[in-house]
């Protein structure tokens, strides 16, 4: 990140209503890195030495407060990331497991130990905002920013500057090409890579609808005020094995929340595309986004375990 790009980015952050404090000193940066046993990537370090983002334009304090919490933030976020992966490995009806991890042990404790070892060897992810993270390695400017919830991972910016424009400038700076990051690339490709099985999007759409509107799931939703007319539609584009979700435009606050979840504004509605990768992963990925939308946009007090879209 050159000085001109940095000045432009800081001006944009301020124009988007982000509250900025004075940047971290060299001593503060060094102390945080020593305490957290990591190193900031160069472009994030430059930004944090100039300004420290504290609060977004909606009053949310989702930025890491490095000055107040220091390197302890790293341990907290590593636990969040690792616990999310372990949850999907151990708690899903079809355990989450990648071929690149080798053969999955029959003993779940052994499987968890393998995940911990792989995670420990992977580049550490540094929190940028909420559950958006940038890799600490390689120690070069231009690392991608990932959005991660459990094993659901998308690229939210090919680099730090693109990320901020995508997140707060509501631009679409995505071209699908970003620096490869060991371990995390494998998780990304499962959710976003080329189709690897011949599973039909038509069937995925049909069964998701049936399961979402099943008697048991409706009973759970009605308990929290759901009226039975949840406005997500599914379209299938089998030629590219894509499942498209469609939801009408809602009020401005909900629009911002939808965009934060990755939905794209198109005319009078929002869309979200899922690439059909495998029977197990895609059901879970789509179900996760449905629940995210219910919780974060429509305000239902439910969690992932509350709606279980099962494959019988």
C-alpha atoms as a PDB file:
ATOM      1  CA  UNK A   1       0.000   0.000   0.000  1.00  0.00           C
ATOM      2  CA  UNK A   2       1.665   3.212  -1.123  1.00  0.00           C
ATOM      3  CA  UNK A   3       1.232   6.537   0.758  1.00  0.00           C
ATOM      4  CA  UNK A   4      -1.285   7.879  -1.777  1.00  0.00           C
ATOM      5  CA  UNK A   5      -3.482   4.771  -1.501  1.00  0.00           C
ATOM      6  CA  UNK A   6      -3.244   4.927   2.289  1.00  0.00           C
ATOM      7  CA  UNK A   7      -4.254   8.606   2.405  1.00  0.00           C
ATOM      8  CA  UNK A   8      -7.166   7.917   0.051  1.00  0.00           C
ATOM      9  CA  UNK A   9      -8.337   4.947   2.110  1.00  0.00           C
ATOM     10  CA  UNK A  10      -8.220   6.897   5.388  1.00  0.00           C
ATOM     11  CA  UNK A  11     -10.219   9.731   3.802  1.00  0.00           C
ATOM     12  CA  UNK A  12     -12.776   7.204   2.562  1.00  0.00           C
ATOM     13  CA  UNK A  13     -13.076   5.555   5.969  1.00  0.00           C
ATOM     14  CA  UNK A  14     -13.860   8.943   7.497  1.00  0.00           C
ATOM     15  CA  UNK A  15     -16.366   9.735   4.725  1.00  0.00           C
ATOM     16  CA  UNK A  16     -18.178   6.444   5.418  1.00  0.00           C
ATOM     17  CA  UNK A  17     -18.717   7.561   9.001  1.00  0.00           C
ATOM     18  CA  UNK A  18     -16.147   5.296  10.635  1.00  0.00           C
ATOM     19  CA  UNK A  19     -14.828   6.649  13.920  1.00  0.00           C
ATOM     20  CA  UNK A  20     -11.030   6.811  13.837  1.00  0.00           C
ATOM     21  CA  UNK A  21      -8.634   7.244  16.737  1.00  0.00           C
ATOM     22  CA  UNK A  22      -4.951   8.170  16.420  1.00  0.00           C
ATOM     23  CA  UNK A  23      -2.842   5.286  15.165  1.00  0.00           C
ATOM     24  CA  UNK A  24      -0.744   2.901  17.207  1.00  0.00           C
ATOM     25  CA  UNK A  25       2.856   3.784  17.985  1.00  0.00           C
ATOM     26  CA  UNK A  26       5.781   1.533  17.070  1.00  0.00           C
ATOM     27  CA  UNK A  27       6.003   0.481  20.714  1.00  0.00           C
ATOM     28  CA  UNK A  28       2.287  -0.375  20.836  1.00  0.00           C
ATOM     29  CA  UNK A  29       2.509  -2.409  17.626  1.00  0.00           C
ATOM     30  CA  UNK A  30       5.580  -4.283  18.841  1.00  0.00           C
ATOM     31  CA  UNK A  31       4.007  -5.016  22.237  1.00  0.00           C
ATOM     32  CA  UNK A  32       0.802  -6.332  20.625  1.00  0.00           C
ATOM     33  CA  UNK A  33       2.750  -8.580  18.251  1.00  0.00           C
ATOM     34  CA  UNK A  34       4.943  -9.886  21.062  1.00  0.00           C
ATOM     35  CA  UNK A  35       1.977 -10.579  23.335  1.00  0.00           C
ATOM     36  CA  UNK A  36      -0.060 -12.242  20.578  1.00  0.00           C
ATOM     37  CA  UNK A  37       2.900 -14.069  19.004  1.00  0.00           C
ATOM     38  CA  UNK A  38       2.131 -12.881  15.484  1.00  0.00           C
ATOM     39  CA  UNK A  39       3.010 -10.113  13.044  1.00  0.00           C
ATOM     40  CA  UNK A  40       0.630  -7.743  11.325  1.00  0.00           C
ATOM     41  CA  UNK A  41       0.782  -7.937   7.523  1.00  0.00           C
ATOM     42  CA  UNK A  42       2.557  -4.792   6.256  1.00  0.00           C
ATOM     43  CA  UNK A  43      -0.489  -2.999   4.814  1.00  0.00           C
ATOM     44  CA  UNK A  44      -2.608  -3.486   7.948  1.00  0.00           C
ATOM     45  CA  UNK A  45       0.324  -2.376  10.084  1.00  0.00           C
ATOM     46  CA  UNK A  46       0.687   0.836   8.041  1.00  0.00           C
ATOM     47  CA  UNK A  47      -3.011   1.591   8.384  1.00  0.00           C
ATOM     48  CA  UNK A  48      -3.092   0.945  12.140  1.00  0.00           C
ATOM     49  CA  UNK A  49      -0.062   3.175  12.665  1.00  0.00           C
ATOM     50  CA  UNK A  50      -1.940   6.036  11.020  1.00  0.00           C
ATOM     51  CA  UNK A  51      -5.472   5.469  12.371  1.00  0.00           C
ATOM     52  CA  UNK A  52      -7.262   2.992  14.618  1.00  0.00           C
ATOM     53  CA  UNK A  53     -10.843   2.308  13.444  1.00  0.00           C
ATOM     54  CA  UNK A  54     -13.095   2.023  16.495  1.00  0.00           C
ATOM     55  CA  UNK A  55     -16.751   2.297  15.452  1.00  0.00           C
ATOM     56  CA  UNK A  56     -18.676   1.971  12.174  1.00  0.00           C
ATOM     57  CA  UNK A  57     -21.391   4.297  10.879  1.00  0.00           C
ATOM     58  CA  UNK A  58     -24.131   2.265  12.605  1.00  0.00           C
ATOM     59  CA  UNK A  59     -22.571   2.585  16.026  1.00  0.00           C
ATOM     60  CA  UNK A  60     -21.240  -0.991  16.054  1.00  0.00           C
ATOM     61  CA  UNK A  61     -17.852  -1.489  17.713  1.00  0.00           C
ATOM     62  CA  UNK A  62     -16.883  -4.540  15.690  1.00  0.00           C
ATOM     63  CA  UNK A  63     -13.359  -3.346  14.976  1.00  0.00           C
ATOM     64  CA  UNK A  64     -10.661  -4.960  17.141  1.00  0.00           C
ATOM     65  CA  UNK A  65      -9.614  -2.459  19.791  1.00  0.00           C
ATOM     66  CA  UNK A  66      -5.919  -3.203  19.707  1.00  0.00           C
ATOM     67  CA  UNK A  67      -5.030  -0.375  22.063  1.00  0.00           C
ATOM     68  CA  UNK A  68      -7.395  -1.581  24.794  1.00  0.00           C
ATOM     69  CA  UNK A  69      -7.068  -5.370  24.438  1.00  0.00           C
ATOM     70  CA  UNK A  70      -3.687  -5.850  22.798  1.00  0.00           C
ATOM     71  CA  UNK A  71      -2.410  -9.234  21.724  1.00  0.00           C
ATOM     72  CA  UNK A  72      -5.061 -11.029  23.819  1.00  0.00           C
ATOM     73  CA  UNK A  73      -7.394 -10.409  20.880  1.00  0.00           C
ATOM     74  CA  UNK A  74      -5.448 -12.944  18.839  1.00  0.00           C
ATOM     75  CA  UNK A  75      -5.973 -15.799  21.274  1.00  0.00           C
ATOM     76  CA  UNK A  76      -9.707 -15.022  21.513  1.00  0.00           C
ATOM     77  CA  UNK A  77     -10.174 -15.022  17.754  1.00  0.00           C
ATOM     78  CA  UNK A  78      -8.064 -18.132  17.203  1.00  0.00           C
ATOM     79  CA  UNK A  79     -10.353 -19.943  19.645  1.00  0.00           C
ATOM     80  CA  UNK A  80     -13.394 -18.683  17.725  1.00  0.00           C
ATOM     81  CA  UNK A  81     -11.998 -19.926  14.416  1.00  0.00           C
ATOM     82  CA  UNK A  82     -10.808 -23.306  15.689  1.00  0.00           C
ATOM     83  CA  UNK A  83     -13.972 -23.990  17.704  1.00  0.00           C
ATOM     84  CA  UNK A  84     -16.071 -23.288  14.601  1.00  0.00           C
ATOM     85  CA  UNK A  85     -14.188 -25.827  12.508  1.00  0.00           C
ATOM     86  CA  UNK A  86     -14.268 -28.439  15.273  1.00  0.00           C
ATOM     87  CA  UNK A  87     -18.024 -27.913  15.667  1.00  0.00           C
ATOM     88  CA  UNK A  88     -18.601 -28.748  12.011  1.00  0.00           C
ATOM     89  CA  UNK A  89     -16.334 -31.786  12.230  1.00  0.00           C
ATOM     90  CA  UNK A  90     -17.931 -33.192  15.375  1.00  0.00           C
ATOM     91  CA  UNK A  91     -21.526 -31.968  15.476  1.00  0.00           C
ATOM     92  CA  UNK A  92     -22.827 -32.234  11.910  1.00  0.00           C
ATOM     93  CA  UNK A  93     -24.827 -35.282  10.843  1.00  0.00           C
ATOM     94  CA  UNK A  94     -22.381 -35.592   7.957  1.00  0.00           C
ATOM     95  CA  UNK A  95     -19.019 -34.606   9.534  1.00  0.00           C
ATOM     96  CA  UNK A  96     -17.131 -31.859   7.751  1.00  0.00           C
ATOM     97  CA  UNK A  97     -13.843 -33.295   6.505  1.00  0.00           C
ATOM     98  CA  UNK A  98     -11.586 -32.352   3.587  1.00  0.00           C
ATOM     99  CA  UNK A  99      -9.725 -34.838   1.420  1.00  0.00           C
ATOM    100  CA  UNK A 100      -6.573 -32.738   1.843  1.00  0.00           C
ATOM    101  CA  UNK A 101      -6.661 -33.568   5.564  1.00  0.00           C
ATOM    102  CA  UNK A 102      -6.168 -37.259   4.837  1.00  0.00           C
ATOM    103  CA  UNK A 103      -8.480 -40.086   5.842  1.00  0.00           C
ATOM    104  CA  UNK A 104     -10.834 -39.158   8.648  1.00  0.00           C
ATOM    105  CA  UNK A 105     -10.208 -41.253  11.801  1.00  0.00           C
ATOM    106  CA  UNK A 106     -13.108 -43.245  13.170  1.00  0.00           C
ATOM    107  CA  UNK A 107     -12.319 -41.896  16.635  1.00  0.00           C
ATOM    108  CA  UNK A 108     -13.598 -38.325  16.861  1.00  0.00           C
ATOM    109  CA  UNK A 109     -10.942 -37.289  19.390  1.00  0.00           C
ATOM    110  CA  UNK A 110      -8.267 -38.278  16.866  1.00  0.00           C
ATOM    111  CA  UNK A 111     -10.059 -36.283  14.156  1.00  0.00           C
ATOM    112  CA  UNK A 112     -10.129 -33.218  16.398  1.00  0.00           C
ATOM    113  CA  UNK A 113      -6.415 -33.597  17.104  1.00  0.00           C
ATOM    114  CA  UNK A 114      -5.656 -33.613  13.360  1.00  0.00           C
ATOM    115  CA  UNK A 115      -7.715 -30.443  12.890  1.00  0.00           C
ATOM    116  CA  UNK A 116      -5.872 -28.749  15.759  1.00  0.00           C
ATOM    117  CA  UNK A 117      -2.501 -29.643  14.228  1.00  0.00           C
ATOM    118  CA  UNK A 118      -3.503 -28.382  10.773  1.00  0.00           C
ATOM    119  CA  UNK A 119      -4.919 -25.199  12.261  1.00  0.00           C
ATOM    120  CA  UNK A 120      -1.783 -24.607  14.326  1.00  0.00           C
ATOM    121  CA  UNK A 121       0.416 -24.924  11.226  1.00  0.00           C
ATOM    122  CA  UNK A 122      -1.789 -22.599   9.133  1.00  0.00           C
ATOM    123  CA  UNK A 123      -1.152 -18.856   8.778  1.00  0.00           C
ATOM    124  CA  UNK A 124      -2.784 -17.018  11.656  1.00  0.00           C
ATOM    125  CA  UNK A 125      -5.775 -14.908  10.740  1.00  0.00           C
ATOM    126  CA  UNK A 126      -5.834 -11.379  12.136  1.00  0.00           C
ATOM    127  CA  UNK A 127      -9.236  -9.804  12.908  1.00  0.00           C
ATOM    128  CA  UNK A 128     -10.109  -6.747  10.837  1.00  0.00           C
ATOM    129  CA  UNK A 129     -13.821  -6.287  11.597  1.00  0.00           C
ATOM    130  CA  UNK A 130     -16.304  -8.701  13.163  1.00  0.00           C
ATOM    131  CA  UNK A 131     -15.662 -12.115  11.618  1.00  0.00           C
ATOM    132  CA  UNK A 132     -13.546 -10.694   8.775  1.00  0.00           C
ATOM    133  CA  UNK A 133      -9.897 -11.749   8.935  1.00  0.00           C
ATOM    134  CA  UNK A 134      -6.662 -11.122   7.039  1.00  0.00           C
ATOM    135  CA  UNK A 135      -3.804 -13.685   7.032  1.00  0.00           C
ATOM    136  CA  UNK A 136      -0.631 -12.727   8.857  1.00  0.00           C
ATOM    137  CA  UNK A 137       1.387 -14.638   6.257  1.00  0.00           C
ATOM    138  CA  UNK A 138       2.961 -14.146   3.857  1.00  0.00           C
ATOM    139  CA  UNK A 139       4.464 -10.982   5.267  1.00  0.00           C
ATOM    140  CA  UNK A 140       3.534  -9.024   2.152  1.00  0.00           C
ATOM    141  CA  UNK A 141       0.939  -6.383   1.339  1.00  0.00           C
ATOM    142  CA  UNK A 142      -2.062  -7.640  -0.600  1.00  0.00           C
ATOM    143  CA  UNK A 143      -3.306 -10.618   1.409  1.00  0.00           C
ATOM    144  CA  UNK A 144      -7.036 -11.332   0.971  1.00  0.00           C
ATOM    145  CA  UNK A 145      -9.660 -10.660   3.635  1.00  0.00           C
ATOM    146  CA  UNK A 146     -11.876 -13.638   4.486  1.00  0.00           C
ATOM    147  CA  UNK A 147     -15.301 -13.692   6.099  1.00  0.00           C
ATOM    148  CA  UNK A 148     -15.522 -16.832   8.244  1.00  0.00           C
ATOM    149  CA  UNK A 149     -18.245 -18.470  10.303  1.00  0.00           C
ATOM    150  CA  UNK A 150     -17.295 -22.038  11.247  1.00  0.00           C
ATOM    151  CA  UNK A 151     -16.251 -23.660   7.919  1.00  0.00           C
ATOM    152  CA  UNK A 152     -18.295 -21.239   5.824  1.00  0.00           C
ATOM    153  CA  UNK A 153     -15.649 -18.967   4.271  1.00  0.00           C
ATOM    154  CA  UNK A 154     -15.842 -16.385   1.503  1.00  0.00           C
ATOM    155  CA  UNK A 155     -13.369 -13.818   0.244  1.00  0.00           C
ATOM    156  CA  UNK A 156     -14.601 -10.359   1.232  1.00  0.00           C
ATOM    157  CA  UNK A 157     -11.795  -8.524  -0.516  1.00  0.00           C
ATOM    158  CA  UNK A 158      -8.838  -9.489  -2.681  1.00  0.00           C
ATOM    159  CA  UNK A 159      -6.762  -7.185  -0.504  1.00  0.00           C
ATOM    160  CA  UNK A 160      -7.240  -4.833   2.442  1.00  0.00           C
ATOM    161  CA  UNK A 161      -8.261  -1.804   0.359  1.00  0.00           C
ATOM    162  CA  UNK A 162     -10.788  -3.791  -1.679  1.00  0.00           C
ATOM    163  CA  UNK A 163     -12.212  -5.199   1.550  1.00  0.00           C
ATOM    164  CA  UNK A 164     -12.974  -1.774   3.028  1.00  0.00           C
ATOM    165  CA  UNK A 165     -14.626  -0.630  -0.201  1.00  0.00           C
ATOM    166  CA  UNK A 166     -16.721  -3.802  -0.307  1.00  0.00           C
ATOM    167  CA  UNK A 167     -17.704  -3.665   3.372  1.00  0.00           C
ATOM    168  CA  UNK A 168     -18.314   0.035   3.891  1.00  0.00           C
ATOM    169  CA  UNK A 169     -18.339   1.615   0.432  1.00  0.00           C
ATOM    170  CA  UNK A 170     -20.826  -1.029  -0.804  1.00  0.00           C
ATOM    171  CA  UNK A 171     -18.820  -1.526  -3.966  1.00  0.00           C
ATOM    172  CA  UNK A 172     -18.315  -4.871  -5.680  1.00  0.00           C
ATOM    173  CA  UNK A 173     -14.553  -5.293  -5.942  1.00  0.00           C
ATOM    174  CA  UNK A 174     -14.529  -9.052  -6.540  1.00  0.00           C
ATOM    175  CA  UNK A 175     -12.879 -10.842  -9.437  1.00  0.00           C
ATOM    176  CA  UNK A 176     -12.248 -14.206  -7.785  1.00  0.00           C
ATOM    177  CA  UNK A 177      -8.460 -13.890  -8.003  1.00  0.00           C
ATOM    178  CA  UNK A 178      -6.514 -13.458  -4.784  1.00  0.00           C
ATOM    179  CA  UNK A 179      -3.323 -14.692  -3.179  1.00  0.00           C
ATOM    180  CA  UNK A 180      -3.392 -18.342  -2.124  1.00  0.00           C
ATOM    181  CA  UNK A 181      -3.256 -18.922   1.615  1.00  0.00           C
ATOM    182  CA  UNK A 182      -2.368 -22.448   2.869  1.00  0.00           C
ATOM    183  CA  UNK A 183      -5.128 -24.326   4.732  1.00  0.00           C
ATOM    184  CA  UNK A 184      -7.674 -21.512   4.368  1.00  0.00           C
ATOM    185  CA  UNK A 185      -7.711 -21.877   0.583  1.00  0.00           C
ATOM    186  CA  UNK A 186      -8.911 -25.471   1.000  1.00  0.00           C
ATOM    187  CA  UNK A 187     -11.908 -24.356   3.059  1.00  0.00           C
ATOM    188  CA  UNK A 188     -12.612 -21.558   0.594  1.00  0.00           C
ATOM    189  CA  UNK A 189     -12.547 -23.850  -2.434  1.00  0.00           C
ATOM    190  CA  UNK A 190     -15.033 -26.285  -0.900  1.00  0.00           C
ATOM    191  CA  UNK A 191     -17.600 -23.490  -0.622  1.00  0.00           C
ATOM    192  CA  UNK A 192     -16.683 -21.493  -3.704  1.00  0.00           C
ATOM    193  CA  UNK A 193     -14.618 -23.613  -6.082  1.00  0.00           C
ATOM    194  CA  UNK A 194     -15.602 -25.516  -9.234  1.00  0.00           C
ATOM    195  CA  UNK A 195     -18.229 -28.227  -8.877  1.00  0.00           C
ATOM    196  CA  UNK A 196     -16.643 -31.543  -7.962  1.00  0.00           C
ATOM    197  CA  UNK A 197     -19.694 -33.807  -7.968  1.00  0.00           C
ATOM    198  CA  UNK A 198     -22.502 -34.296 -10.434  1.00  0.00           C
ATOM    199  CA  UNK A 199     -25.272 -33.226  -8.066  1.00  0.00           C
ATOM    200  CA  UNK A 200     -28.216 -31.405  -9.659  1.00  0.00           C
ATOM    201  CA  UNK A 201     -29.086 -27.895  -8.494  1.00  0.00           C
ATOM    202  CA  UNK A 202     -32.746 -28.633  -9.249  1.00  0.00           C
ATOM    203  CA  UNK A 203     -32.818 -31.354  -6.610  1.00  0.00           C
ATOM    204  CA  UNK A 204     -30.951 -29.172  -4.103  1.00  0.00           C
ATOM    205  CA  UNK A 205     -33.530 -26.395  -4.490  1.00  0.00           C
ATOM    206  CA  UNK A 206     -36.462 -28.793  -4.226  1.00  0.00           C
ATOM    207  CA  UNK A 207     -35.222 -30.571  -1.107  1.00  0.00           C
ATOM    208  CA  UNK A 208     -34.123 -27.368   0.645  1.00  0.00           C
ATOM    209  CA  UNK A 209     -37.588 -25.928   0.201  1.00  0.00           C
ATOM    210  CA  UNK A 210     -39.212 -29.086   1.505  1.00  0.00           C
ATOM    211  CA  UNK A 211     -36.924 -29.224   4.521  1.00  0.00           C
ATOM    212  CA  UNK A 212     -37.148 -25.519   5.361  1.00  0.00           C
ATOM    213  CA  UNK A 213     -40.954 -25.671   5.291  1.00  0.00           C
ATOM    214  CA  UNK A 214     -41.225 -29.028   7.039  1.00  0.00           C
ATOM    215  CA  UNK A 215     -43.660 -29.269   9.952  1.00  0.00           C
ATOM    216  CA  UNK A 216     -40.943 -29.507  12.599  1.00  0.00           C
ATOM    217  CA  UNK A 217     -38.913 -26.586  11.291  1.00  0.00           C
ATOM    218  CA  UNK A 218     -42.007 -24.408  10.872  1.00  0.00           C
ATOM    219  CA  UNK A 219     -42.968 -25.171  14.460  1.00  0.00           C
ATOM    220  CA  UNK A 220     -39.565 -23.922  15.634  1.00  0.00           C
ATOM    221  CA  UNK A 221     -39.844 -20.755  13.543  1.00  0.00           C
ATOM    222  CA  UNK A 222     -43.452 -19.991  14.525  1.00  0.00           C
ATOM    223  CA  UNK A 223     -42.297 -20.087  18.143  1.00  0.00           C
ATOM    224  CA  UNK A 224     -40.190 -17.019  17.345  1.00  0.00           C
ATOM    225  CA  UNK A 225     -42.838 -15.169  15.350  1.00  0.00           C
ATOM    226  CA  UNK A 226     -42.303 -16.612  11.866  1.00  0.00           C
ATOM    227  CA  UNK A 227     -45.572 -16.379   9.914  1.00  0.00           C
ATOM    228  CA  UNK A 228     -44.880 -19.123   7.389  1.00  0.00           C
ATOM    229  CA  UNK A 229     -44.118 -16.757   4.488  1.00  0.00           C
ATOM    230  CA  UNK A 230     -40.363 -16.424   4.648  1.00  0.00           C
ATOM    231  CA  UNK A 231     -39.549 -14.523   1.424  1.00  0.00           C
ATOM    232  CA  UNK A 232     -36.602 -16.485   0.062  1.00  0.00           C
ATOM    233  CA  UNK A 233     -37.097 -18.116  -3.306  1.00  0.00           C
ATOM    234  CA  UNK A 234     -34.779 -20.592  -4.999  1.00  0.00           C
ATOM    235  CA  UNK A 235     -33.905 -20.618  -8.679  1.00  0.00           C
ATOM    236  CA  UNK A 236     -31.693 -23.227 -10.242  1.00  0.00           C
ATOM    237  CA  UNK A 237     -29.260 -22.699 -13.073  1.00  0.00           C
ATOM    238  CA  UNK A 238     -28.198 -26.289 -13.796  1.00  0.00           C
ATOM    239  CA  UNK A 239     -25.880 -25.399 -16.651  1.00  0.00           C
ATOM    240  CA  UNK A 240     -23.445 -23.913 -14.146  1.00  0.00           C
ATOM    241  CA  UNK A 241     -24.726 -25.845 -11.110  1.00  0.00           C
ATOM    242  CA  UNK A 242     -25.713 -22.704  -9.254  1.00  0.00           C
ATOM    243  CA  UNK A 243     -28.509 -22.235  -6.758  1.00  0.00           C
ATOM    244  CA  UNK A 244     -29.758 -18.642  -6.583  1.00  0.00           C
ATOM    245  CA  UNK A 245     -31.517 -17.223  -3.545  1.00  0.00           C
ATOM    246  CA  UNK A 246     -33.809 -14.218  -4.023  1.00  0.00           C
ATOM    247  CA  UNK A 247     -35.197 -11.928  -1.342  1.00  0.00           C
ATOM    248  CA  UNK A 248     -37.152  -8.659  -1.801  1.00  0.00           C
ATOM    249  CA  UNK A 249     -35.643  -5.275  -0.950  1.00  0.00           C
ATOM    250  CA  UNK A 250     -36.318  -4.456   2.691  1.00  0.00           C
ATOM    251  CA  UNK A 251     -35.823  -1.281   4.731  1.00  0.00           C
ATOM    252  CA  UNK A 252     -32.407   0.462   4.607  1.00  0.00           C
ATOM    253  CA  UNK A 253     -31.144  -0.992   7.896  1.00  0.00           C
ATOM    254  CA  UNK A 254     -31.970  -4.508   6.773  1.00  0.00           C
ATOM    255  CA  UNK A 255     -30.384  -3.787   3.378  1.00  0.00           C
ATOM    256  CA  UNK A 256     -27.082  -3.036   5.077  1.00  0.00           C
ATOM    257  CA  UNK A 257     -27.324  -6.251   7.073  1.00  0.00           C
ATOM    258  CA  UNK A 258     -28.084  -8.268   3.934  1.00  0.00           C
ATOM    259  CA  UNK A 259     -25.075  -6.760   2.167  1.00  0.00           C
ATOM    260  CA  UNK A 260     -22.907  -7.552   5.174  1.00  0.00           C
ATOM    261  CA  UNK A 261     -23.975 -11.183   4.805  1.00  0.00           C
ATOM    262  CA  UNK A 262     -22.944 -11.188   1.153  1.00  0.00           C
ATOM    263  CA  UNK A 263     -26.295 -10.651  -0.600  1.00  0.00           C
ATOM    264  CA  UNK A 264     -26.089  -8.547  -3.782  1.00  0.00           C
ATOM    265  CA  UNK A 265     -28.536  -5.762  -4.629  1.00  0.00           C
ATOM    266  CA  UNK A 266     -30.220  -6.161  -8.033  1.00  0.00           C
ATOM    267  CA  UNK A 267     -33.059  -3.753  -8.900  1.00  0.00           C
ATOM    268  CA  UNK A 268     -35.878  -4.419  -6.401  1.00  0.00           C
ATOM    269  CA  UNK A 269     -34.443  -7.530  -4.748  1.00  0.00           C
ATOM    270  CA  UNK A 270     -31.308  -9.105  -3.338  1.00  0.00           C
ATOM    271  CA  UNK A 271     -29.660 -12.255  -4.652  1.00  0.00           C
ATOM    272  CA  UNK A 272     -27.137 -14.768  -3.393  1.00  0.00           C
ATOM    273  CA  UNK A 273     -25.536 -17.499  -5.498  1.00  0.00           C
ATOM    274  CA  UNK A 274     -24.312 -20.844  -4.171  1.00  0.00           C
ATOM    275  CA  UNK A 275     -22.150 -23.049  -6.341  1.00  0.00           C
ATOM    276  CA  UNK A 276     -23.149 -26.683  -6.015  1.00  0.00           C
ATOM    277  CA  UNK A 277     -20.044 -28.441  -4.733  1.00  0.00           C
ATOM    278  CA  UNK A 278     -21.237 -31.502  -2.896  1.00  0.00           C
ATOM    279  CA  UNK A 279     -24.442 -32.802  -1.385  1.00  0.00           C
ATOM    280  CA  UNK A 280     -23.292 -32.435   2.211  1.00  0.00           C
ATOM    281  CA  UNK A 281     -21.483 -29.109   2.066  1.00  0.00           C
ATOM    282  CA  UNK A 282     -23.998 -27.191   0.015  1.00  0.00           C
ATOM    283  CA  UNK A 283     -26.997 -28.095   2.111  1.00  0.00           C
ATOM    284  CA  UNK A 284     -25.111 -26.872   5.151  1.00  0.00           C
ATOM    285  CA  UNK A 285     -23.791 -23.721   3.458  1.00  0.00           C
ATOM    286  CA  UNK A 286     -27.217 -22.688   2.215  1.00  0.00           C
ATOM    287  CA  UNK A 287     -28.871 -23.557   5.517  1.00  0.00           C
ATOM    288  CA  UNK A 288     -26.293 -21.443   7.361  1.00  0.00           C
ATOM    289  CA  UNK A 289     -26.990 -18.412   5.210  1.00  0.00           C
ATOM    290  CA  UNK A 290     -30.743 -18.853   5.611  1.00  0.00           C
ATOM    291  CA  UNK A 291     -30.348 -18.910   9.385  1.00  0.00           C
ATOM    292  CA  UNK A 292     -27.928 -15.956   9.287  1.00  0.00           C
ATOM    293  CA  UNK A 293     -30.552 -13.996   7.387  1.00  0.00           C
ATOM    294  CA  UNK A 294     -33.336 -14.950   9.799  1.00  0.00           C
ATOM    295  CA  UNK A 295     -31.247 -14.018  12.843  1.00  0.00           C
ATOM    296  CA  UNK A 296     -29.370 -10.942  11.685  1.00  0.00           C
ATOM    297  CA  UNK A 297     -31.864  -9.347   9.299  1.00  0.00           C
ATOM    298  CA  UNK A 298     -35.271 -10.401  10.565  1.00  0.00           C
ATOM    299  CA  UNK A 299     -34.318 -10.514  14.229  1.00  0.00           C
ATOM    300  CA  UNK A 300     -35.346 -14.056  15.152  1.00  0.00           C
ATOM    301  CA  UNK A 301     -33.777 -15.209  18.406  1.00  0.00           C
ATOM    302  CA  UNK A 302     -32.503 -18.512  17.091  1.00  0.00           C
ATOM    303  CA  UNK A 303     -29.160 -20.176  16.530  1.00  0.00           C
ATOM    304  CA  UNK A 304     -27.749 -22.701  14.092  1.00  0.00           C
ATOM    305  CA  UNK A 305     -28.926 -25.625  16.198  1.00  0.00           C
ATOM    306  CA  UNK A 306     -32.507 -24.295  16.228  1.00  0.00           C
ATOM    307  CA  UNK A 307     -33.139 -24.995  12.545  1.00  0.00           C
ATOM    308  CA  UNK A 308     -31.597 -28.245  11.422  1.00  0.00           C
ATOM    309  CA  UNK A 309     -31.992 -28.783   7.701  1.00  0.00           C
ATOM    310  CA  UNK A 310     -31.293 -32.478   7.627  1.00  0.00           C
ATOM    311  CA  UNK A 311     -30.539 -34.831   4.752  1.00  0.00           C
ATOM    312  CA  UNK A 312     -32.453 -38.034   5.406  1.00  0.00           C
END
